[in-house]
Amino acid sequence: MDDKQVARVLSFRWLIFAVLAIAYCLVYFHRISLSVVTGELQREFHASAGMLGLLGSVYFYCYALMQIPAGLLSDSVGPRKTVAVSLLVATVGILLFSLASDITVAIVARALVGLGVSMVFIPAMKIFSQWYRTHEFAHMSGMYQAAGGVGVLAGTWILGLLVDHLGWRASFRIIAGCTLATAVAAWLVVRNRPADKGWPSLDEIDRNERAAGPAAGAIGLRQGIRMVLAEKHFWLIGAWFFFDCGIFFGFGNLWSGPYLMHTYRMDKVQAMALLSTIAWGMVLGGPALGVLSQRILKSRKKTLVLCMSVLSALLLLTTLAPAGLPRAALVAWFFLFSVCSSAIVIVGFTATKELFPVEIAGTSIGVVNFFPFFGGAVFQPILGAILDAYGKTAANQYPVAAYRTVMLVLLLSALAALGCSILMKDTYRK
């Protein structure tokens, strides 16, 4: 091994990270994009809140169902192929969505998008486990979550501008082209491990022998799943993901825009500008929480408990005063909401990975990643049904009382997530 090889490994991994970060931007872009075009879709497809909730939730159902297969494919076929092919599927779904003639076609298209982008995060985590050292993983995961925040920013502010100037259909065709280009870049640039380039692994670079245990590939797929499902602490993490991400996906990704427009009488531009603070919460919160759990608190559990406590307090505030916060307080509310319900998930994934051997990193993260998107799939239509139960006012808006009930449901879910985090095992190791 020479110094040039070491330098190539340590520099090339950033190129891989950049491509995968763009892919993750697109994942979050599609996740939040419906909140920008809710009004257009309601008018064009004559859809109720419940139907829009179904349109939003089908993405999450497909995403959730694909998490275990995504983990298995990452550990067997390989993460590079998984990412590239899945982005091609997403491209087809986006094009179909832009051409949808009715709500049924739109639902099918969103299902394809969900299937496609569902296999980006887990393969990326698998790749990072090969290109970055163990003590670097939490920090890199935080940076990756920040990339998702850029996707939220694009899915609110930039998409809003595109829709205003080009219309929603043309805007999504442009995004389809970006997704296709990213799929090609993933195929050409990304590699599963340094050995695929003929370079030494980080273990070899650090001149450390692997700890005694199963050799890479020695744990079969079925055995890996059994190991994950048999771990009692895994189920607490899974339940935490369900409630926490149900809150973020159900409200932050779909009903936050209508909430601001209906309760605070904001227009679309004002609402999207304020919701961009969700993106900044992810961009700044992801790396910050990685450092907080790794270097300051030195605890995954304490970090999770802290964020769930803050999230519960935020939702208690809006339950008591759903339309009574000043503009500056709303900006702070949505920023902290993003940090505590979205950026925090990277600590949850790190805790999951640390529960199991690195050989089943893809499988363990894949299995647990079912829960956040199942939460999103459940929460979006439930919140829509609550709004429909109250009905719209003469101004064609949902009343403040409807959103108060929505906030109460979210508050109870946050308290459930807090309980799960208190009972979790702390997986942090020096």
Protein backbone atom coordinates (compact mmCIF):
# COMPACT_ATOMS: atom_id res chain seq x y z
CA MET A 1 0.00 0.00 0.00
CA ASP A 2 1.42 3.42 -0.95
CA ASP A 3 0.48 6.98 -0.05
CA LYS A 4 -1.12 7.60 -3.44
CA GLN A 5 -3.60 4.77 -2.91
CA VAL A 6 -4.50 6.10 0.51
CA ALA A 7 -5.01 9.59 -0.93
CA ARG A 8 -7.25 8.20 -3.68
CA VAL A 9 -9.47 6.39 -1.19
CA LEU A 10 -9.83 9.39 1.11
CA SER A 11 -10.63 11.77 -1.77
CA PHE A 12 -12.76 9.54 -4.01
CA ARG A 13 -15.19 8.78 -1.19
CA TRP A 14 -16.26 12.43 -1.22
CA LEU A 15 -17.21 12.14 -4.89
CA ILE A 16 -19.32 9.11 -4.00
CA PHE A 17 -20.88 11.05 -1.15
CA ALA A 18 -21.73 13.95 -3.48
CA VAL A 19 -23.58 11.70 -5.95
CA LEU A 20 -25.49 9.91 -3.20
CA ALA A 21 -26.27 13.25 -1.54
CA ILE A 22 -27.88 14.49 -4.76
CA ALA A 23 -29.90 11.28 -4.89
CA TYR A 24 -31.06 11.85 -1.31
CA CYS A 25 -31.99 15.44 -2.17
CA LEU A 26 -34.34 14.01 -4.76
CA VAL A 27 -35.80 11.56 -2.24
CA TYR A 28 -36.83 14.40 0.06
CA PHE A 29 -37.86 16.57 -2.86
CA HIS A 30 -40.46 14.01 -3.90
CA ARG A 31 -41.45 13.38 -0.30
CA ILE A 32 -42.48 16.99 0.32
CA SER A 33 -43.41 18.08 -3.22
CA LEU A 34 -47.15 17.39 -2.83
CA SER A 35 -47.42 20.06 -0.13
CA VAL A 36 -46.50 22.64 -2.81
CA VAL A 37 -49.03 21.51 -5.43
CA THR A 38 -51.88 20.53 -3.09
CA GLY A 39 -54.12 23.33 -4.34
CA GLU A 40 -53.44 22.60 -8.02
CA LEU A 41 -54.13 18.90 -7.57
CA GLN A 42 -57.35 19.52 -5.65
CA ARG A 43 -58.65 21.83 -8.36
CA GLU A 44 -57.54 19.76 -11.36
CA PHE A 45 -58.56 16.35 -10.02
CA HIS A 46 -61.50 17.58 -7.86
CA ALA A 47 -59.97 15.73 -4.90
CA SER A 48 -60.99 15.88 -1.24
CA ALA A 49 -58.53 16.09 1.65
CA GLY A 50 -58.98 12.35 2.20
CA MET A 51 -58.15 11.60 -1.43
CA LEU A 52 -55.08 13.82 -1.28
CA GLY A 53 -54.10 12.01 1.89
CA LEU A 54 -54.32 8.74 -0.03
CA LEU A 55 -52.27 10.21 -2.88
CA GLY A 56 -49.61 11.24 -0.37
CA SER A 57 -49.73 8.03 1.64
CA VAL A 58 -49.31 5.64 -1.32
CA TYR A 59 -45.75 6.94 -1.66
CA PHE A 60 -45.10 5.99 1.97
CA TYR A 61 -46.81 2.59 1.76
CA CYS A 62 -44.61 1.64 -1.19
CA TYR A 63 -41.54 3.13 0.48
CA ALA A 64 -42.24 1.22 3.69
CA LEU A 65 -42.87 -2.12 1.95
CA MET A 66 -39.59 -1.85 0.07
CA GLN A 67 -37.34 -1.25 3.07
CA ILE A 68 -36.65 -4.89 3.89
CA PRO A 69 -36.04 -5.76 0.19
CA ALA A 70 -33.80 -2.68 -0.07
CA GLY A 71 -31.69 -3.91 2.83
CA LEU A 72 -31.49 -7.42 1.40
CA LEU A 73 -30.55 -6.13 -2.05
CA SER A 74 -27.88 -3.89 -0.54
CA ASP A 75 -26.33 -6.86 1.24
CA SER A 76 -26.64 -9.24 -1.77
CA VAL A 77 -26.86 -7.55 -5.19
CA GLY A 78 -24.91 -4.53 -3.99
CA PRO A 79 -25.85 -0.95 -3.11
CA ARG A 80 -24.51 0.66 -6.31
CA LYS A 81 -26.79 -1.34 -8.61
CA THR A 82 -29.69 -0.93 -6.22
CA VAL A 83 -29.44 2.88 -6.22
CA ALA A 84 -29.01 3.25 -9.98
CA VAL A 85 -31.90 0.96 -10.95
CA SER A 86 -34.26 2.35 -8.32
CA LEU A 87 -33.70 5.90 -9.57
CA LEU A 88 -34.66 4.75 -13.07
CA VAL A 89 -37.94 3.43 -11.67
CA ALA A 90 -38.52 6.76 -9.94
CA THR A 91 -37.91 8.59 -13.23
CA VAL A 92 -40.68 6.59 -14.91
CA GLY A 93 -43.03 7.38 -12.03
CA ILE A 94 -42.30 11.12 -12.16
CA LEU A 95 -42.96 11.27 -15.90
CA LEU A 96 -46.23 9.39 -15.48
CA PHE A 97 -47.26 11.76 -12.67
CA SER A 98 -46.62 14.76 -14.91
CA LEU A 99 -48.91 13.22 -17.55
CA ALA A 100 -51.66 12.03 -15.17
CA SER A 101 -55.17 12.60 -16.53
CA ASP A 102 -56.97 11.80 -13.27
CA ILE A 103 -56.33 11.03 -9.62
CA THR A 104 -56.10 7.27 -10.23
CA VAL A 105 -53.20 7.66 -12.65
CA ALA A 106 -51.56 10.10 -10.26
CA ILE A 107 -51.80 7.55 -7.43
CA VAL A 108 -50.20 4.83 -9.61
CA ALA A 109 -47.44 7.27 -10.59
CA ARG A 110 -46.75 8.22 -6.97
CA ALA A 111 -46.55 4.54 -6.11
CA LEU A 112 -43.80 4.12 -8.73
CA VAL A 113 -41.98 7.15 -7.34
CA GLY A 114 -42.21 5.67 -3.84
CA LEU A 115 -40.88 2.33 -5.08
CA GLY A 116 -38.00 4.03 -6.86
CA VAL A 117 -36.71 6.41 -4.21
CA SER A 118 -37.24 3.82 -1.47
CA MET A 119 -33.93 2.18 -2.32
CA VAL A 120 -31.54 5.11 -1.96
CA PHE A 121 -31.04 5.70 1.77
CA ILE A 122 -30.27 2.15 2.90
CA PRO A 123 -27.76 1.39 0.11
CA ALA A 124 -26.10 4.73 0.87
CA MET A 125 -25.71 3.77 4.53
CA LYS A 126 -24.18 0.47 3.41
CA ILE A 127 -21.72 2.29 1.16
CA PHE A 128 -20.77 4.75 3.88
CA SER A 129 -20.04 1.85 6.23
CA GLN A 130 -17.38 0.71 3.73
CA TRP A 131 -15.90 4.09 2.81
CA TYR A 132 -15.91 5.76 6.25
CA ARG A 133 -14.57 4.69 9.62
CA THR A 134 -16.87 3.68 12.46
CA HIS A 135 -16.29 6.89 14.41
CA GLU A 136 -17.02 8.92 11.26
CA PHE A 137 -20.37 7.25 10.57
CA ALA A 138 -22.60 9.40 12.83
CA HIS A 139 -21.08 12.61 11.43
CA MET A 140 -21.41 11.48 7.81
CA SER A 141 -24.95 10.32 8.43
CA GLY A 142 -25.73 13.76 9.80
CA MET A 143 -24.28 15.39 6.71
CA TYR A 144 -26.36 13.04 4.58
CA GLN A 145 -29.48 14.10 6.45
CA ALA A 146 -28.48 17.69 5.74
CA ALA A 147 -28.50 16.81 2.04
CA GLY A 148 -32.09 15.70 2.52
CA GLY A 149 -32.75 19.16 3.95
CA VAL A 150 -31.52 20.70 0.71
CA GLY A 151 -34.07 18.50 -1.02
CA VAL A 152 -36.80 19.90 1.23
CA LEU A 153 -35.66 23.41 0.36
CA ALA A 154 -35.84 22.55 -3.34
CA GLY A 155 -39.19 20.82 -2.85
CA THR A 156 -40.71 23.94 -1.29
CA TRP A 157 -39.05 27.11 -2.49
CA ILE A 158 -37.60 26.07 -5.87
CA LEU A 159 -40.55 23.88 -6.85
CA GLY A 160 -42.90 26.69 -5.85
CA LEU A 161 -41.11 29.05 -8.23
CA LEU A 162 -41.11 26.48 -11.03
CA VAL A 163 -44.82 25.77 -10.60
CA ASP A 164 -45.65 29.48 -10.63
CA HIS A 165 -43.74 30.02 -13.89
CA LEU A 166 -44.10 26.71 -15.76
CA GLY A 167 -47.02 24.89 -14.15
CA TRP A 168 -46.81 21.70 -12.09
CA ARG A 169 -46.68 19.28 -15.02
CA ALA A 170 -43.70 20.90 -16.76
CA SER A 171 -41.96 21.29 -13.41
CA PHE A 172 -42.14 17.55 -12.71
CA ARG A 173 -40.83 16.73 -16.18
CA ILE A 174 -37.74 18.79 -15.38
CA ILE A 175 -37.34 16.87 -12.13
CA ALA A 176 -37.64 13.60 -14.03
CA GLY A 177 -34.65 14.65 -16.15
CA CYS A 178 -32.65 15.46 -13.02
CA THR A 179 -33.50 12.08 -11.53
CA LEU A 180 -32.41 10.27 -14.68
CA ALA A 181 -29.09 12.14 -14.72
CA THR A 182 -28.49 11.18 -11.09
CA ALA A 183 -29.18 7.51 -11.87
CA VAL A 184 -26.54 7.59 -14.59
CA ALA A 185 -24.05 9.31 -12.27
CA ALA A 186 -24.68 6.69 -9.58
CA TRP A 187 -23.90 3.90 -12.05
CA LEU A 188 -20.74 5.56 -13.39
CA VAL A 189 -19.26 6.97 -10.17
CA VAL A 190 -20.43 5.05 -7.09
CA ARG A 191 -18.58 1.92 -5.98
CA ASN A 192 -19.61 -0.40 -3.16
CA ARG A 193 -16.20 -0.49 -1.46
CA PRO A 194 -12.60 0.65 -2.09
CA ALA A 195 -11.67 -2.88 -3.24
CA ASP A 196 -13.91 -2.36 -6.30
CA LYS A 197 -11.34 0.19 -7.47
CA GLY A 198 -8.42 -2.01 -6.49
CA TRP A 199 -7.69 0.14 -3.45
CA PRO A 200 -7.10 -0.90 0.19
CA SER A 201 -9.93 -0.80 2.68
CA LEU A 202 -9.99 1.65 5.57
CA ASP A 203 -9.18 -1.22 7.92
CA GLU A 204 -6.04 -1.88 5.92
CA ILE A 205 -5.22 1.81 5.82
CA ASP A 206 -5.56 2.07 9.57
CA ARG A 207 -3.59 -1.18 9.91
CA ASN A 208 -6.21 -2.61 12.21
CA GLU A 209 -7.35 -6.14 12.02
CA ARG A 210 -11.07 -6.79 12.01
CA ALA A 211 -12.53 -7.77 15.37
CA ALA A 212 -13.17 -11.45 15.83
CA GLY A 213 -16.61 -12.36 14.55
CA PRO A 214 -18.43 -13.38 11.39
CA ALA A 215 -16.54 -12.61 8.23
CA ALA A 216 -18.16 -10.33 5.67
CA GLY A 217 -20.90 -12.23 3.93
CA ALA A 218 -20.89 -15.01 6.55
CA ILE A 219 -24.30 -13.97 7.90
CA GLY A 220 -27.03 -15.15 5.53
CA LEU A 221 -30.03 -13.02 4.63
CA ARG A 222 -32.53 -15.10 6.60
CA GLN A 223 -30.21 -15.32 9.56
CA GLY A 224 -29.70 -11.56 9.44
CA ILE A 225 -33.45 -10.88 9.52
CA ARG A 226 -33.89 -13.33 12.39
CA MET A 227 -31.12 -11.59 14.33
CA VAL A 228 -32.80 -8.22 13.82
CA LEU A 229 -36.32 -9.35 14.72
CA ALA A 230 -35.13 -11.28 17.78
CA GLU A 231 -33.52 -8.18 19.33
CA LYS A 232 -36.05 -6.71 21.77
CA HIS A 233 -34.46 -3.24 21.69
CA PHE A 234 -35.01 -3.15 17.93
CA TRP A 235 -38.78 -3.01 18.42
CA LEU A 236 -38.54 0.07 20.63
CA ILE A 237 -36.52 1.82 17.95
CA GLY A 238 -39.07 0.72 15.35
CA ALA A 239 -41.98 2.08 17.40
CA TRP A 240 -40.08 5.34 17.93
CA PHE A 241 -39.58 5.68 14.18
CA PHE A 242 -43.28 5.01 13.53
CA PHE A 243 -44.51 7.81 15.79
CA ASP A 244 -41.74 10.33 15.15
CA CYS A 245 -41.76 10.05 11.37
CA GLY A 246 -45.54 9.74 11.29
CA ILE A 247 -45.57 13.22 12.80
CA PHE A 248 -43.05 14.64 10.34
CA PHE A 249 -44.38 12.97 7.19
CA GLY A 250 -48.04 13.36 8.12
CA PHE A 251 -47.86 17.04 9.00
CA GLY A 252 -44.56 18.46 7.77
CA ASN A 253 -44.67 16.81 4.35
CA LEU A 254 -48.35 17.35 3.50
CA TRP A 255 -50.60 19.38 5.78
CA SER A 256 -48.18 22.04 7.03
CA GLY A 257 -48.77 24.22 3.94
CA PRO A 258 -52.59 24.17 4.19
CA TYR A 259 -52.27 24.71 7.96
CA LEU A 260 -50.42 27.99 7.46
CA MET A 261 -52.70 29.14 4.66
CA HIS A 262 -55.92 28.27 6.51
CA THR A 263 -55.12 29.27 10.09
CA TYR A 264 -52.73 32.18 9.51
CA ARG A 265 -54.26 33.37 6.21
CA MET A 266 -50.94 33.17 4.36
CA ASP A 267 -50.80 32.99 0.61
CA LYS A 268 -48.92 30.16 -1.09
CA VAL A 269 -45.65 32.10 -1.49
CA GLN A 270 -45.62 33.17 2.16
CA ALA A 271 -46.38 29.65 3.38
CA MET A 272 -43.68 28.04 1.23
CA ALA A 273 -41.14 30.65 2.34
CA LEU A 274 -41.87 29.89 5.99
CA LEU A 275 -41.79 26.13 5.39
CA SER A 276 -38.27 26.47 4.00
CA THR A 277 -37.21 26.61 7.64
CA ILE A 278 -37.97 22.87 7.71
CA ALA A 279 -35.16 22.46 5.20
CA TRP A 280 -32.78 24.56 7.27
CA GLY A 281 -33.64 22.50 10.32
CA MET A 282 -32.50 19.40 8.47
CA VAL A 283 -29.43 21.05 6.91
CA LEU A 284 -28.16 22.39 10.23
CA GLY A 285 -29.74 19.87 12.56
CA GLY A 286 -28.43 16.70 10.95
CA PRO A 287 -24.71 17.42 11.43
CA ALA A 288 -25.34 19.14 14.77
CA LEU A 289 -27.18 16.16 16.24
CA GLY A 290 -24.48 13.83 14.95
CA VAL A 291 -21.89 15.85 16.88
CA LEU A 292 -24.19 16.13 19.90
CA SER A 293 -24.70 12.38 20.21
CA GLN A 294 -21.11 11.43 19.33
CA ARG A 295 -18.97 14.02 21.08
CA ILE A 296 -20.99 16.05 23.59
CA LEU A 297 -23.68 13.90 25.18
CA LYS A 298 -21.88 10.73 24.05
CA SER A 299 -25.24 9.02 24.04
CA ARG A 300 -27.77 8.13 21.35
CA LYS A 301 -30.51 7.67 23.98
CA LYS A 302 -30.06 11.06 25.67
CA THR A 303 -30.12 12.80 22.29
CA LEU A 304 -33.37 11.07 21.34
CA VAL A 305 -35.00 11.84 24.70
CA LEU A 306 -33.99 15.50 24.45
CA CYS A 307 -35.44 15.91 20.95
CA MET A 308 -38.68 14.09 21.80
CA SER A 309 -39.13 16.31 24.86
CA VAL A 310 -38.73 19.44 22.74
CA LEU A 311 -41.05 18.07 20.05
CA SER A 312 -43.73 17.32 22.65
CA ALA A 313 -43.46 20.87 24.00
CA LEU A 314 -43.78 22.33 20.49
CA LEU A 315 -46.91 20.34 19.73
CA LEU A 316 -48.42 21.19 23.12
CA LEU A 317 -47.97 24.86 22.23
CA THR A 318 -49.79 24.58 18.89
CA THR A 319 -52.51 22.41 20.42
CA LEU A 320 -53.25 25.17 22.92
CA ALA A 321 -52.81 28.00 20.39
CA PRO A 322 -53.13 26.61 16.83
CA ALA A 323 -53.48 30.08 15.29
CA GLY A 324 -51.95 32.33 17.92
CA LEU A 325 -48.20 32.41 17.25
CA PRO A 326 -46.44 35.51 15.85
CA ARG A 327 -44.43 35.16 12.65
CA ALA A 328 -41.03 34.98 14.38
CA ALA A 329 -42.32 32.27 16.72
CA LEU A 330 -43.63 30.29 13.73
CA VAL A 331 -40.19 30.39 12.10
CA ALA A 332 -38.58 29.09 15.29
CA TRP A 333 -41.36 26.50 15.73
CA PHE A 334 -40.93 24.97 12.29
CA PHE A 335 -37.13 25.02 12.57
CA LEU A 336 -37.17 23.14 15.89
CA PHE A 337 -39.96 20.88 14.61
CA SER A 338 -37.68 19.88 11.72
CA VAL A 339 -34.64 19.30 13.94
CA CYS A 340 -36.57 17.20 16.47
CA SER A 341 -38.77 15.17 14.12
CA SER A 342 -36.64 14.85 10.97
CA ALA A 343 -32.93 15.58 11.56
CA ILE A 344 -33.05 13.37 14.66
CA VAL A 345 -33.77 10.22 12.62
CA ILE A 346 -30.11 9.97 11.71
CA VAL A 347 -29.36 9.26 15.37
CA GLY A 348 -32.04 6.58 15.27
CA PHE A 349 -30.42 4.92 12.26
CA THR A 350 -27.01 5.11 13.90
CA ALA A 351 -28.42 3.43 17.01
CA THR A 352 -29.96 0.70 14.84
CA LYS A 353 -26.67 0.03 13.05
CA GLU A 354 -24.83 -0.17 16.37
CA LEU A 355 -27.18 -2.86 17.69
CA PHE A 356 -25.95 -5.37 15.09
CA PRO A 357 -22.79 -6.59 13.31
CA VAL A 358 -21.64 -4.44 10.39
CA GLU A 359 -22.16 -7.41 8.02
CA ILE A 360 -25.92 -6.93 8.29
CA ALA A 361 -25.89 -3.12 8.32
CA GLY A 362 -28.06 -2.99 5.20
CA THR A 363 -30.50 -5.56 6.52
CA SER A 364 -30.88 -3.99 9.98
CA ILE A 365 -31.39 -0.47 8.62
CA GLY A 366 -33.70 -1.84 5.93
CA VAL A 367 -35.94 -3.60 8.41
CA VAL A 368 -36.17 -0.62 10.77
CA ASN A 369 -36.72 1.77 7.86
CA PHE A 370 -40.09 0.12 7.28
CA PHE A 371 -41.46 1.82 10.39
CA PRO A 372 -40.96 5.53 9.57
CA PHE A 373 -42.62 5.22 6.20
CA PHE A 374 -45.39 3.04 7.53
CA GLY A 375 -45.94 5.86 9.99
CA GLY A 376 -46.15 8.37 7.14
CA ALA A 377 -48.54 6.11 5.24
CA VAL A 378 -50.83 5.83 8.29
CA PHE A 379 -50.68 9.44 9.49
CA GLN A 380 -51.29 11.28 6.20
CA PRO A 381 -54.77 9.85 5.47
CA ILE A 382 -55.73 9.94 9.17
CA LEU A 383 -54.96 13.65 9.39
CA GLY A 384 -56.82 14.19 6.12
CA ALA A 385 -59.84 12.31 7.50
CA ILE A 386 -59.81 14.52 10.61
CA LEU A 387 -59.89 17.64 8.44
CA ASP A 388 -62.68 16.24 6.26
CA ALA A 389 -64.70 15.38 9.38
CA TYR A 390 -64.83 19.07 10.28
CA GLY A 391 -65.58 20.12 6.72
CA LYS A 392 -64.58 23.33 4.97
CA THR A 393 -65.75 26.84 5.78
CA ALA A 394 -67.44 29.21 3.36
CA ALA A 395 -63.95 30.37 2.35
CA ASN A 396 -63.16 26.80 1.20
CA GLN A 397 -60.72 26.28 4.07
CA TYR A 398 -60.57 23.92 7.03
CA PRO A 399 -61.39 25.59 10.37
CA VAL A 400 -58.95 26.26 13.19
CA ALA A 401 -60.76 23.67 15.35
CA ALA A 402 -59.85 20.96 12.80
CA TYR A 403 -56.18 21.82 13.01
CA ARG A 404 -56.36 21.90 16.82
CA THR A 405 -57.50 18.27 16.72
CA VAL A 406 -54.70 17.43 14.28
CA MET A 407 -52.18 18.96 16.67
CA LEU A 408 -53.64 16.98 19.58
CA VAL A 409 -53.15 13.72 17.67
CA LEU A 410 -49.58 14.73 16.86
CA LEU A 411 -48.93 15.64 20.52
CA LEU A 412 -50.09 12.22 21.73
CA SER A 413 -47.84 10.59 19.13
CA ALA A 414 -44.86 12.68 20.28
CA LEU A 415 -45.45 11.55 23.85
CA ALA A 416 -45.51 7.94 22.66
CA ALA A 417 -42.20 8.50 20.87
CA LEU A 418 -40.77 10.06 24.03
CA GLY A 419 -41.77 6.97 26.01
CA CYS A 420 -40.05 4.71 23.47
CA SER A 421 -36.84 6.75 23.62
CA ILE A 422 -36.78 6.60 27.42
CA LEU A 423 -37.00 2.79 27.33
CA MET A 424 -34.36 2.33 24.58
CA LYS A 425 -30.94 0.83 25.04
CA ASP A 426 -28.08 3.29 24.60
CA THR A 427 -25.87 1.89 21.82
CA TYR A 428 -23.11 4.49 21.99
CA ARG A 429 -19.62 3.02 22.27
CA LYS A 430 -16.34 4.92 22.52
